[in-house]
N, C-alpha and C. Protein backbone atom coordinates (compact mmCIF):
# COMPACT_ATOMS: atom_id res chain seq x y z
N MET A 1 -33.92 -3.21 20.24
CA MET A 1 -32.64 -3.08 20.89
C MET A 1 -31.57 -2.80 19.80
N ALA A 2 -30.74 -1.78 20.03
CA ALA A 2 -29.72 -1.42 19.09
C ALA A 2 -28.54 -2.38 19.19
N GLN A 3 -28.02 -2.75 18.03
CA GLN A 3 -26.86 -3.62 17.97
C GLN A 3 -25.62 -2.75 17.73
N ASP A 4 -24.62 -2.96 18.53
CA ASP A 4 -23.38 -2.19 18.38
C ASP A 4 -22.25 -3.16 18.10
N ASN A 5 -21.52 -2.94 17.04
CA ASN A 5 -20.44 -3.81 16.62
C ASN A 5 -19.17 -2.97 16.50
N THR A 6 -18.68 -2.45 17.61
CA THR A 6 -17.48 -1.63 17.61
C THR A 6 -16.41 -2.29 18.44
N VAL A 7 -15.19 -2.36 17.89
CA VAL A 7 -14.06 -2.90 18.63
C VAL A 7 -12.93 -1.88 18.59
N THR A 8 -12.14 -1.89 19.65
CA THR A 8 -10.91 -1.09 19.69
C THR A 8 -9.81 -2.02 20.08
N LEU A 9 -8.78 -2.05 19.26
CA LEU A 9 -7.62 -2.92 19.49
C LEU A 9 -6.36 -2.09 19.54
N VAL A 10 -5.45 -2.48 20.39
CA VAL A 10 -4.10 -1.86 20.43
C VAL A 10 -3.11 -2.98 20.27
N GLY A 11 -2.26 -2.89 19.27
CA GLY A 11 -1.30 -3.95 19.00
C GLY A 11 -0.23 -3.50 18.04
N ASN A 12 0.58 -4.45 17.60
CA ASN A 12 1.69 -4.17 16.70
C ASN A 12 1.43 -4.76 15.32
N LEU A 13 1.79 -3.99 14.28
CA LEU A 13 1.63 -4.46 12.92
C LEU A 13 2.57 -5.65 12.69
N THR A 14 2.03 -6.71 12.09
CA THR A 14 2.84 -7.90 11.80
C THR A 14 3.49 -7.81 10.44
N LYS A 15 3.05 -6.85 9.61
CA LYS A 15 3.64 -6.61 8.30
C LYS A 15 3.26 -5.20 7.84
N ASP A 16 4.00 -4.68 6.86
CA ASP A 16 3.64 -3.39 6.30
C ASP A 16 2.25 -3.46 5.67
N PRO A 17 1.47 -2.39 5.78
CA PRO A 17 0.16 -2.39 5.10
C PRO A 17 0.32 -2.61 3.61
N GLU A 18 -0.52 -3.43 3.06
CA GLU A 18 -0.52 -3.71 1.61
C GLU A 18 -1.62 -2.88 0.97
N LEU A 19 -1.26 -1.94 0.12
CA LEU A 19 -2.24 -1.06 -0.50
C LEU A 19 -2.56 -1.56 -1.90
N ARG A 20 -3.87 -1.72 -2.17
CA ARG A 20 -4.35 -2.09 -3.49
C ARG A 20 -5.46 -1.13 -3.89
N TYR A 21 -5.87 -1.19 -5.11
CA TYR A 21 -6.96 -0.33 -5.59
C TYR A 21 -8.01 -1.17 -6.27
N THR A 22 -9.29 -0.82 -6.03
CA THR A 22 -10.38 -1.50 -6.70
C THR A 22 -10.41 -1.04 -8.15
N THR A 23 -11.21 -1.72 -8.97
CA THR A 23 -11.31 -1.32 -10.36
C THR A 23 -11.88 0.08 -10.49
N GLY A 24 -12.63 0.53 -9.51
CA GLY A 24 -13.15 1.89 -9.50
C GLY A 24 -12.17 2.92 -8.99
N GLY A 25 -10.96 2.49 -8.59
CA GLY A 25 -9.94 3.41 -8.13
C GLY A 25 -9.94 3.70 -6.65
N ARG A 26 -10.74 2.98 -5.89
CA ARG A 26 -10.79 3.20 -4.42
C ARG A 26 -9.68 2.39 -3.75
N GLY A 27 -8.91 3.05 -2.89
CA GLY A 27 -7.83 2.41 -2.20
C GLY A 27 -8.29 1.54 -1.05
N VAL A 28 -7.58 0.44 -0.83
CA VAL A 28 -7.86 -0.44 0.32
C VAL A 28 -6.53 -1.01 0.81
N ALA A 29 -6.27 -0.81 2.09
CA ALA A 29 -5.04 -1.32 2.69
C ALA A 29 -5.40 -2.43 3.67
N SER A 30 -4.56 -3.45 3.73
CA SER A 30 -4.78 -4.53 4.67
C SER A 30 -3.46 -4.84 5.37
N PHE A 31 -3.58 -5.20 6.65
CA PHE A 31 -2.41 -5.55 7.41
C PHE A 31 -2.81 -6.43 8.60
N GLY A 32 -1.83 -7.09 9.18
CA GLY A 32 -2.05 -7.90 10.36
C GLY A 32 -1.73 -7.15 11.62
N LEU A 33 -2.45 -7.46 12.69
CA LEU A 33 -2.25 -6.82 13.98
C LEU A 33 -2.11 -7.91 15.04
N ALA A 34 -1.02 -7.85 15.81
CA ALA A 34 -0.81 -8.78 16.92
C ALA A 34 -1.11 -8.06 18.22
N VAL A 35 -2.03 -8.64 19.00
CA VAL A 35 -2.45 -8.03 20.27
C VAL A 35 -1.99 -8.96 21.38
N ASN A 36 -1.13 -8.47 22.25
CA ASN A 36 -0.58 -9.27 23.36
C ASN A 36 -1.38 -9.04 24.63
N ARG A 37 -1.53 -10.10 25.37
CA ARG A 37 -2.17 -10.02 26.69
C ARG A 37 -1.24 -10.73 27.66
N ARG A 38 -0.86 -10.05 28.72
CA ARG A 38 0.05 -10.58 29.71
C ARG A 38 -0.68 -10.71 31.04
N TYR A 39 -0.58 -11.87 31.67
CA TYR A 39 -1.29 -12.11 32.93
C TYR A 39 -0.48 -13.08 33.80
N GLN A 40 -0.82 -13.14 35.08
CA GLN A 40 -0.11 -14.00 36.03
C GLN A 40 -0.94 -15.21 36.39
N VAL A 41 -0.29 -16.37 36.44
CA VAL A 41 -0.89 -17.59 36.94
C VAL A 41 0.07 -18.18 37.95
N ASN A 42 -0.40 -18.30 39.21
CA ASN A 42 0.45 -18.83 40.31
C ASN A 42 1.79 -18.11 40.39
N GLY A 43 1.79 -16.80 40.22
CA GLY A 43 3.00 -16.00 40.37
C GLY A 43 3.89 -15.99 39.14
N GLU A 44 3.54 -16.73 38.07
CA GLU A 44 4.34 -16.74 36.85
C GLU A 44 3.61 -15.96 35.77
N TRP A 45 4.37 -15.16 35.04
CA TRP A 45 3.79 -14.39 33.97
C TRP A 45 3.55 -15.26 32.76
N GLN A 46 2.37 -15.15 32.19
CA GLN A 46 1.99 -15.85 30.95
C GLN A 46 1.70 -14.79 29.88
N GLU A 47 1.88 -15.16 28.64
CA GLU A 47 1.59 -14.24 27.56
C GLU A 47 0.76 -14.95 26.49
N GLN A 48 -0.27 -14.28 26.01
CA GLN A 48 -1.13 -14.81 24.97
C GLN A 48 -1.16 -13.77 23.86
N VAL A 49 -1.05 -14.22 22.64
CA VAL A 49 -1.09 -13.32 21.48
C VAL A 49 -2.27 -13.68 20.59
N SER A 50 -3.03 -12.67 20.21
CA SER A 50 -4.14 -12.86 19.26
C SER A 50 -3.78 -12.09 17.99
N PHE A 51 -4.11 -12.67 16.85
CA PHE A 51 -3.82 -12.06 15.57
C PHE A 51 -5.11 -11.68 14.86
N PHE A 52 -5.12 -10.46 14.30
CA PHE A 52 -6.32 -9.94 13.61
C PHE A 52 -5.91 -9.42 12.24
N ASN A 53 -6.79 -9.61 11.26
CA ASN A 53 -6.62 -8.98 9.95
C ASN A 53 -7.42 -7.68 9.98
N VAL A 54 -6.78 -6.59 9.52
CA VAL A 54 -7.41 -5.26 9.52
C VAL A 54 -7.47 -4.76 8.09
N VAL A 55 -8.61 -4.18 7.73
CA VAL A 55 -8.81 -3.60 6.39
C VAL A 55 -9.22 -2.15 6.58
N ALA A 56 -8.54 -1.27 5.84
CA ALA A 56 -8.84 0.18 5.88
C ALA A 56 -9.08 0.65 4.47
N TRP A 57 -10.21 1.32 4.26
CA TRP A 57 -10.62 1.74 2.93
C TRP A 57 -10.33 3.22 2.67
N ALA A 58 -10.27 3.55 1.39
CA ALA A 58 -10.18 4.93 0.88
C ALA A 58 -9.00 5.70 1.48
N ASP A 59 -9.22 6.96 1.90
CA ASP A 59 -8.14 7.80 2.40
C ASP A 59 -7.48 7.18 3.64
N LEU A 60 -8.27 6.54 4.50
CA LEU A 60 -7.72 5.93 5.70
C LEU A 60 -6.72 4.83 5.31
N GLY A 61 -7.02 4.06 4.33
CA GLY A 61 -6.11 3.01 3.87
C GLY A 61 -4.87 3.57 3.22
N GLU A 62 -5.04 4.60 2.41
CA GLU A 62 -3.89 5.23 1.77
C GLU A 62 -2.98 5.87 2.79
N ASN A 63 -3.57 6.56 3.77
CA ASN A 63 -2.76 7.18 4.84
C ASN A 63 -2.07 6.12 5.68
N ALA A 64 -2.74 5.03 5.96
CA ALA A 64 -2.11 3.93 6.74
C ALA A 64 -0.92 3.37 5.99
N ALA A 65 -1.07 3.13 4.69
CA ALA A 65 0.02 2.58 3.90
C ALA A 65 1.21 3.54 3.83
N ALA A 66 0.95 4.83 3.82
CA ALA A 66 2.03 5.83 3.75
C ALA A 66 2.70 6.06 5.12
N SER A 67 1.99 5.75 6.20
CA SER A 67 2.47 6.12 7.54
C SER A 67 2.94 4.96 8.40
N LEU A 68 2.34 3.80 8.25
CA LEU A 68 2.60 2.68 9.17
C LEU A 68 3.53 1.64 8.58
N HIS A 69 4.28 1.01 9.49
CA HIS A 69 5.22 -0.03 9.08
C HIS A 69 5.20 -1.16 10.08
N LYS A 70 5.71 -2.30 9.62
CA LYS A 70 5.78 -3.50 10.46
C LYS A 70 6.42 -3.15 11.80
N GLY A 71 5.78 -3.61 12.89
CA GLY A 71 6.32 -3.37 14.22
C GLY A 71 5.71 -2.14 14.92
N ASN A 72 5.13 -1.21 14.16
CA ASN A 72 4.51 -0.03 14.77
C ASN A 72 3.37 -0.44 15.69
N ARG A 73 3.28 0.22 16.82
CA ARG A 73 2.17 -0.01 17.74
C ARG A 73 1.08 0.98 17.39
N VAL A 74 -0.13 0.45 17.11
CA VAL A 74 -1.22 1.29 16.65
C VAL A 74 -2.50 0.95 17.42
N MET A 75 -3.42 1.90 17.37
CA MET A 75 -4.77 1.72 17.89
C MET A 75 -5.73 1.69 16.70
N VAL A 76 -6.59 0.70 16.69
CA VAL A 76 -7.55 0.50 15.60
C VAL A 76 -8.95 0.51 16.22
N THR A 77 -9.81 1.35 15.67
CA THR A 77 -11.23 1.32 16.03
C THR A 77 -11.99 0.99 14.77
N GLY A 78 -12.91 0.01 14.89
CA GLY A 78 -13.68 -0.40 13.74
C GLY A 78 -14.75 -1.38 14.09
N ARG A 79 -15.14 -2.17 13.12
CA ARG A 79 -16.17 -3.17 13.34
C ARG A 79 -15.73 -4.51 12.84
N LEU A 80 -16.24 -5.55 13.46
CA LEU A 80 -15.96 -6.92 13.01
C LEU A 80 -16.87 -7.26 11.84
N GLU A 81 -16.31 -7.86 10.83
CA GLU A 81 -17.12 -8.27 9.69
C GLU A 81 -16.65 -9.67 9.27
N GLN A 82 -17.61 -10.52 9.05
CA GLN A 82 -17.30 -11.88 8.60
C GLN A 82 -17.72 -12.02 7.15
N ARG A 83 -16.88 -12.70 6.37
CA ARG A 83 -17.22 -12.93 4.98
C ARG A 83 -16.74 -14.32 4.59
N SER A 84 -17.31 -14.84 3.51
CA SER A 84 -16.94 -16.15 2.99
C SER A 84 -16.37 -15.99 1.61
N TYR A 85 -15.49 -16.91 1.25
CA TYR A 85 -14.94 -16.95 -0.09
C TYR A 85 -14.58 -18.37 -0.44
N ASP A 86 -14.39 -18.63 -1.71
CA ASP A 86 -14.00 -19.96 -2.19
C ASP A 86 -12.55 -19.93 -2.63
N THR A 87 -11.78 -20.91 -2.20
CA THR A 87 -10.37 -21.01 -2.60
C THR A 87 -10.29 -21.46 -4.06
N ARG A 88 -9.12 -21.43 -4.62
CA ARG A 88 -8.92 -21.88 -6.00
C ARG A 88 -9.22 -23.35 -6.13
N GLU A 89 -9.11 -24.09 -5.03
CA GLU A 89 -9.40 -25.53 -5.02
C GLU A 89 -10.87 -25.78 -4.80
N GLY A 90 -11.68 -24.72 -4.66
CA GLY A 90 -13.13 -24.86 -4.51
C GLY A 90 -13.59 -25.03 -3.07
N GLU A 91 -12.69 -24.89 -2.10
CA GLU A 91 -13.08 -25.02 -0.69
C GLU A 91 -13.64 -23.70 -0.19
N LYS A 92 -14.68 -23.78 0.64
CA LYS A 92 -15.30 -22.58 1.19
C LYS A 92 -14.57 -22.21 2.48
N ARG A 93 -14.20 -20.91 2.59
CA ARG A 93 -13.51 -20.41 3.77
C ARG A 93 -14.29 -19.26 4.36
N ASN A 94 -14.25 -19.15 5.66
CA ASN A 94 -14.83 -18.00 6.38
C ASN A 94 -13.71 -17.24 7.04
N ILE A 95 -13.82 -15.92 7.01
CA ILE A 95 -12.78 -15.07 7.62
C ILE A 95 -13.48 -13.92 8.38
N THR A 96 -12.94 -13.59 9.51
CA THR A 96 -13.41 -12.44 10.28
C THR A 96 -12.32 -11.38 10.26
N GLU A 97 -12.70 -10.16 9.86
CA GLU A 97 -11.76 -9.05 9.75
C GLU A 97 -12.25 -7.86 10.58
N VAL A 98 -11.34 -6.98 10.90
CA VAL A 98 -11.68 -5.69 11.49
C VAL A 98 -11.68 -4.68 10.36
N ILE A 99 -12.83 -4.06 10.10
CA ILE A 99 -12.93 -3.00 9.11
C ILE A 99 -12.69 -1.70 9.88
N ALA A 100 -11.54 -1.08 9.63
CA ALA A 100 -11.14 0.08 10.42
C ALA A 100 -11.96 1.32 10.09
N ASP A 101 -12.43 1.99 11.13
CA ASP A 101 -13.04 3.30 11.00
C ASP A 101 -12.04 4.39 11.30
N ASP A 102 -11.04 4.07 12.16
CA ASP A 102 -10.01 5.04 12.53
C ASP A 102 -8.79 4.29 12.95
N LEU A 103 -7.63 4.87 12.69
CA LEU A 103 -6.32 4.30 13.08
C LEU A 103 -5.47 5.40 13.65
N GLY A 104 -4.57 5.05 14.54
CA GLY A 104 -3.63 6.03 15.07
C GLY A 104 -2.45 5.35 15.72
N PRO A 105 -1.33 6.03 15.75
CA PRO A 105 -0.16 5.48 16.44
C PRO A 105 -0.38 5.49 17.94
N SER A 106 0.14 4.49 18.61
CA SER A 106 0.14 4.51 20.07
C SER A 106 1.33 5.34 20.52
N LEU A 107 1.08 6.25 21.44
CA LEU A 107 2.15 7.14 21.92
C LEU A 107 2.68 6.70 23.28
N ARG A 108 2.36 5.49 23.66
CA ARG A 108 2.82 4.99 24.96
C ARG A 108 4.34 4.87 25.02
N TRP A 109 4.91 4.32 23.94
CA TRP A 109 6.37 4.14 23.91
C TRP A 109 7.00 4.75 22.67
N ALA A 110 6.33 5.69 22.04
CA ALA A 110 6.84 6.29 20.82
C ALA A 110 6.31 7.71 20.67
N GLN A 111 6.91 8.45 19.74
CA GLN A 111 6.42 9.76 19.38
C GLN A 111 6.00 9.74 17.94
N ALA A 112 5.09 10.61 17.56
CA ALA A 112 4.63 10.68 16.18
C ALA A 112 4.54 12.11 15.73
N GLN A 113 4.76 12.34 14.47
CA GLN A 113 4.61 13.67 13.89
C GLN A 113 3.36 13.60 13.02
N VAL A 114 2.37 14.46 13.30
CA VAL A 114 1.12 14.44 12.56
C VAL A 114 1.21 15.49 11.47
N GLU A 115 0.85 15.10 10.25
CA GLU A 115 0.84 16.01 9.12
C GLU A 115 -0.54 16.03 8.53
N ARG A 116 -1.20 17.15 8.57
CA ARG A 116 -2.55 17.29 8.06
C ARG A 116 -2.51 17.35 6.55
N ILE A 117 -3.41 16.58 5.90
CA ILE A 117 -3.49 16.62 4.45
C ILE A 117 -4.84 17.23 4.05
N SER A 118 -4.91 17.76 2.85
CA SER A 118 -6.13 18.37 2.36
C SER A 118 -7.15 17.31 2.02
N ARG A 119 -8.41 17.56 2.36
CA ARG A 119 -9.49 16.63 2.00
C ARG A 119 -9.85 16.77 0.55
N ASP A 120 -9.64 17.93 -0.04
CA ASP A 120 -10.00 18.16 -1.44
C ASP A 120 -8.71 18.48 -2.18
N SER A 121 -8.10 17.47 -2.76
CA SER A 121 -6.81 17.67 -3.43
C SER A 121 -6.94 18.51 -4.69
N ALA A 122 -8.17 18.72 -5.17
CA ALA A 122 -8.34 19.54 -6.37
C ALA A 122 -8.00 20.99 -6.13
N ASP A 123 -8.43 21.54 -4.96
CA ASP A 123 -8.11 22.96 -4.74
C ASP A 123 -6.88 23.13 -3.88
N GLY A 124 -6.49 22.09 -3.14
CA GLY A 124 -5.26 22.12 -2.39
C GLY A 124 -5.23 23.10 -1.25
N GLY A 125 -6.34 23.76 -0.93
CA GLY A 125 -6.29 24.79 0.07
C GLY A 125 -7.26 24.56 1.20
N GLY A 126 -7.21 25.47 2.14
CA GLY A 126 -8.13 25.45 3.25
C GLY A 126 -7.68 24.68 4.47
N TYR A 127 -6.56 24.00 4.38
CA TYR A 127 -6.11 23.21 5.53
C TYR A 127 -4.63 23.43 5.72
N SER A 128 -4.17 23.12 6.93
CA SER A 128 -2.74 23.27 7.24
C SER A 128 -1.93 22.21 6.49
N ASP A 129 -0.73 22.56 6.11
CA ASP A 129 0.14 21.59 5.41
C ASP A 129 1.03 20.84 6.38
N GLY A 130 0.78 20.98 7.68
CA GLY A 130 1.62 20.29 8.66
C GLY A 130 2.81 21.09 9.08
N GLY A 131 3.19 22.10 8.30
CA GLY A 131 4.34 22.92 8.63
C GLY A 131 3.94 24.26 9.21
N GLY A 132 2.68 24.39 9.59
CA GLY A 132 2.23 25.63 10.20
C GLY A 132 1.70 26.63 9.18
N ASN A 133 1.73 26.27 7.91
CA ASN A 133 1.25 27.18 6.86
C ASN A 133 -0.18 26.80 6.51
N SER A 134 -1.03 27.78 6.38
CA SER A 134 -2.42 27.53 6.04
C SER A 134 -2.56 27.65 4.52
N GLY A 135 -3.27 26.69 3.94
CA GLY A 135 -3.47 26.71 2.49
C GLY A 135 -4.62 27.62 2.08
N GLY A 136 -5.52 27.95 2.98
CA GLY A 136 -6.66 28.78 2.61
C GLY A 136 -6.66 30.05 3.41
N GLY A 137 -7.52 30.96 3.05
CA GLY A 137 -7.63 32.21 3.79
C GLY A 137 -6.56 33.18 3.38
N ASN A 138 -6.60 34.35 3.99
CA ASN A 138 -5.65 35.41 3.69
C ASN A 138 -4.47 35.26 4.61
N SER A 139 -3.32 34.98 4.08
CA SER A 139 -2.13 34.80 4.92
C SER A 139 -1.30 36.06 5.00
N GLY A 140 -1.86 37.19 4.64
CA GLY A 140 -1.14 38.45 4.73
C GLY A 140 -0.33 38.75 3.51
N GLY A 141 -0.36 37.90 2.52
CA GLY A 141 0.43 38.11 1.33
C GLY A 141 -0.32 38.91 0.26
N GLY A 142 -1.51 39.40 0.59
CA GLY A 142 -2.29 40.14 -0.40
C GLY A 142 -3.03 39.20 -1.30
N GLY A 143 -3.83 39.72 -2.18
CA GLY A 143 -4.59 38.89 -3.12
C GLY A 143 -5.88 38.43 -2.49
N ALA A 144 -6.67 37.77 -3.29
CA ALA A 144 -7.99 37.32 -2.85
C ALA A 144 -7.86 36.11 -1.92
N ALA A 145 -8.68 36.08 -0.91
CA ALA A 145 -8.68 34.94 0.01
C ALA A 145 -9.38 33.77 -0.65
N ARG A 146 -8.79 32.59 -0.51
CA ARG A 146 -9.35 31.37 -1.07
C ARG A 146 -9.85 30.52 0.07
N SER A 147 -11.03 29.99 -0.02
CA SER A 147 -11.53 29.16 1.07
C SER A 147 -12.03 27.83 0.53
N ALA A 148 -11.80 26.78 1.31
CA ALA A 148 -12.28 25.45 0.95
C ALA A 148 -13.75 25.35 1.30
N PRO A 149 -14.47 24.44 0.64
CA PRO A 149 -15.87 24.24 1.02
C PRO A 149 -15.95 23.72 2.44
N PRO A 150 -17.03 24.01 3.14
CA PRO A 150 -17.15 23.57 4.53
C PRO A 150 -17.07 22.05 4.64
N ASP A 151 -16.42 21.58 5.69
CA ASP A 151 -16.29 20.17 5.98
C ASP A 151 -17.68 19.62 6.33
N PRO A 152 -18.05 18.43 5.82
CA PRO A 152 -19.39 17.91 6.10
C PRO A 152 -19.61 17.58 7.58
N VAL A 153 -18.56 17.33 8.33
CA VAL A 153 -18.70 16.99 9.74
C VAL A 153 -18.48 18.21 10.64
N TYR A 154 -17.39 18.96 10.39
CA TYR A 154 -17.01 20.04 11.29
C TYR A 154 -17.47 21.41 10.82
N GLY A 155 -18.01 21.54 9.59
CA GLY A 155 -18.41 22.82 9.08
C GLY A 155 -17.22 23.70 8.86
N GLU A 156 -17.28 24.94 9.35
CA GLU A 156 -16.18 25.88 9.20
C GLU A 156 -15.09 25.70 10.24
N GLU A 157 -15.39 24.90 11.28
CA GLU A 157 -14.47 24.74 12.41
C GLU A 157 -13.39 23.72 12.05
N GLU A 158 -12.14 24.04 12.42
CA GLU A 158 -11.04 23.10 12.24
C GLU A 158 -11.19 21.95 13.23
N PRO A 159 -11.04 20.70 12.84
CA PRO A 159 -11.24 19.58 13.74
C PRO A 159 -10.17 19.47 14.82
N PHE A 160 -8.98 20.05 14.58
CA PHE A 160 -7.94 20.06 15.62
C PHE A 160 -7.00 21.22 15.37
């Protein structure tokens, strides 16, 4: 039997994402997410809030830190992961976190401007810069066409 550990949460950031880097240079952003649930009991509205710690690695974490701020309503898809650590006082602690696979703004009560970034910052081309200009290919300006290597997931096709 296959085990599936996928969660999707929609909530508000409780603080700005905190971006750090590992000794190997890999980015990791962490932030809190408050998820509200509103329900009725005997005709009266009740509200319950659950708090989750979210961790986003590499480009996803760097993009989250550059784009998201406290109070933003976001959607998080990821997996639950539990880990243990020892405090400075030597006490053992367990924590459950959501390791984000994807993040996005909720557009229910807000608008967002999406800006596409290059996956390969070394060549800087092959993708839209968000302003409608293509970094790769022949844009009619003459000269040799430059193309980015195929995307490992989408191949030559643009994902959006």
